[in-house]
C-alpha cells in the first residue's frame, strides 16, 4: 500500500449539507450544539450553513442566526456555502469563512434544478462573483464540478463533457486573473464507483497533471467508501464527509438520497490503513450519536454502532481474562 497517502484532510459537511436536507426545522441551538461538538474532534474545517433561497431550502432560513451563534475556535475554519451572487453577498456580511471558487455544474438539467439557472447563465453570474473576490483581494484556488460522475436527470455523463467543464472552470478563473490549483469533483447524486473515479481522475491528470484533486462523494447507492478508497489509491488527500452520514441533496431526484460518506467511518478506514487524519474517532462517535438525537432518526453511520477495532479488542481481552 505504498501508493496510499500518508495523511488526508477530511472537511466536515454535516451541519450544512445534512441540515439543509432535513424535512423538519432543526432548532438553532441544536445546530450550534452539533457544530461546536464537531469542533472538539480534531476537524480543521466545518461547513456550517448555506446562504440559499429560504423558499427553496427552508431549513437554511436561519443561516445568519446560526452563523452568529457559533463560538468559533481560532484553529478551525467555519465555512459557508453560496451558489449565486446574492448568496455570496449574504455570506460576506457574516462571520464565517467564505471560499473563493469557480462552480460549474456538469449537467445542464441539474444546474437548473439545483441553482435555477442553465450552465451558461450560471457562468455569467460566476463572473460577478469572481469580480467580487478580485475586488476584495480574496484568493480563488479551486474549481468545483457539481455532479461530475452522473446525473439522475440526464443519465451517464461522458468523460469528455467533464473535461470540458474543467476547462470552463480554468478559463473563467483565468479570465478573472486567477490560477486554479485544484479541482473538486462532487457527486451529490451518488453515481460514483471505483471504476468511474479512476477513469475520471486519470483523464484529468492526463490533461492537467499539475492540478490537485479533491472528492465530495455521496453514498446514495452504497459505493461511497469504495469510491473514496479508489481515490486514496490514486493519492487523493482531500475529501468531504458528513458526521453519521447526515445529508443528501434536496434536488437530486432520489428519494431518501444518502449524504456524504460518513466522516467517522471514512476516518476509521484511513486510520486502519495507516493514513493519518488527525481526528479523534471516539469523540466523532459521540458526535454521530448526538447528530441522531438532533434529527430524531437513525442515521446510516456504522462506526457509532460497531465501535472501533481498538475498542473491540479491549472488550475481547477483558472477556478472555474474566
Foldseek 3Di string as FASTA:
>chain_A
DVLFDLAFAEAAEAQAQQQLQFPDAFDLVLLLVLVVLQVPWQHQEYEHYEQDDCVVRVNRPCVQVSQVPHPDDPRHAYAYHYQFPVRVVVRVVTDHDYAAEAEAELDQVLCCLQVNHGRVVSLVRNLVVLLVCVVVVHAYAEYEYHQLQAAPVPGGDDLVSSVVRVVVRQVSQVVSPHGYQAYEYEHLLARDALVSLCVNVVVVCVVVVRHAYEYWHFCQPPRQLRNVVSVSSNHHRHYYAYALQRHGRPRRPDVPGTHTHHPLVNCLVCVVVNYHHSTDNVSSLVSSVSVCVSSVHHGNDDCVPVPHVVVVVVVVVVVVVD
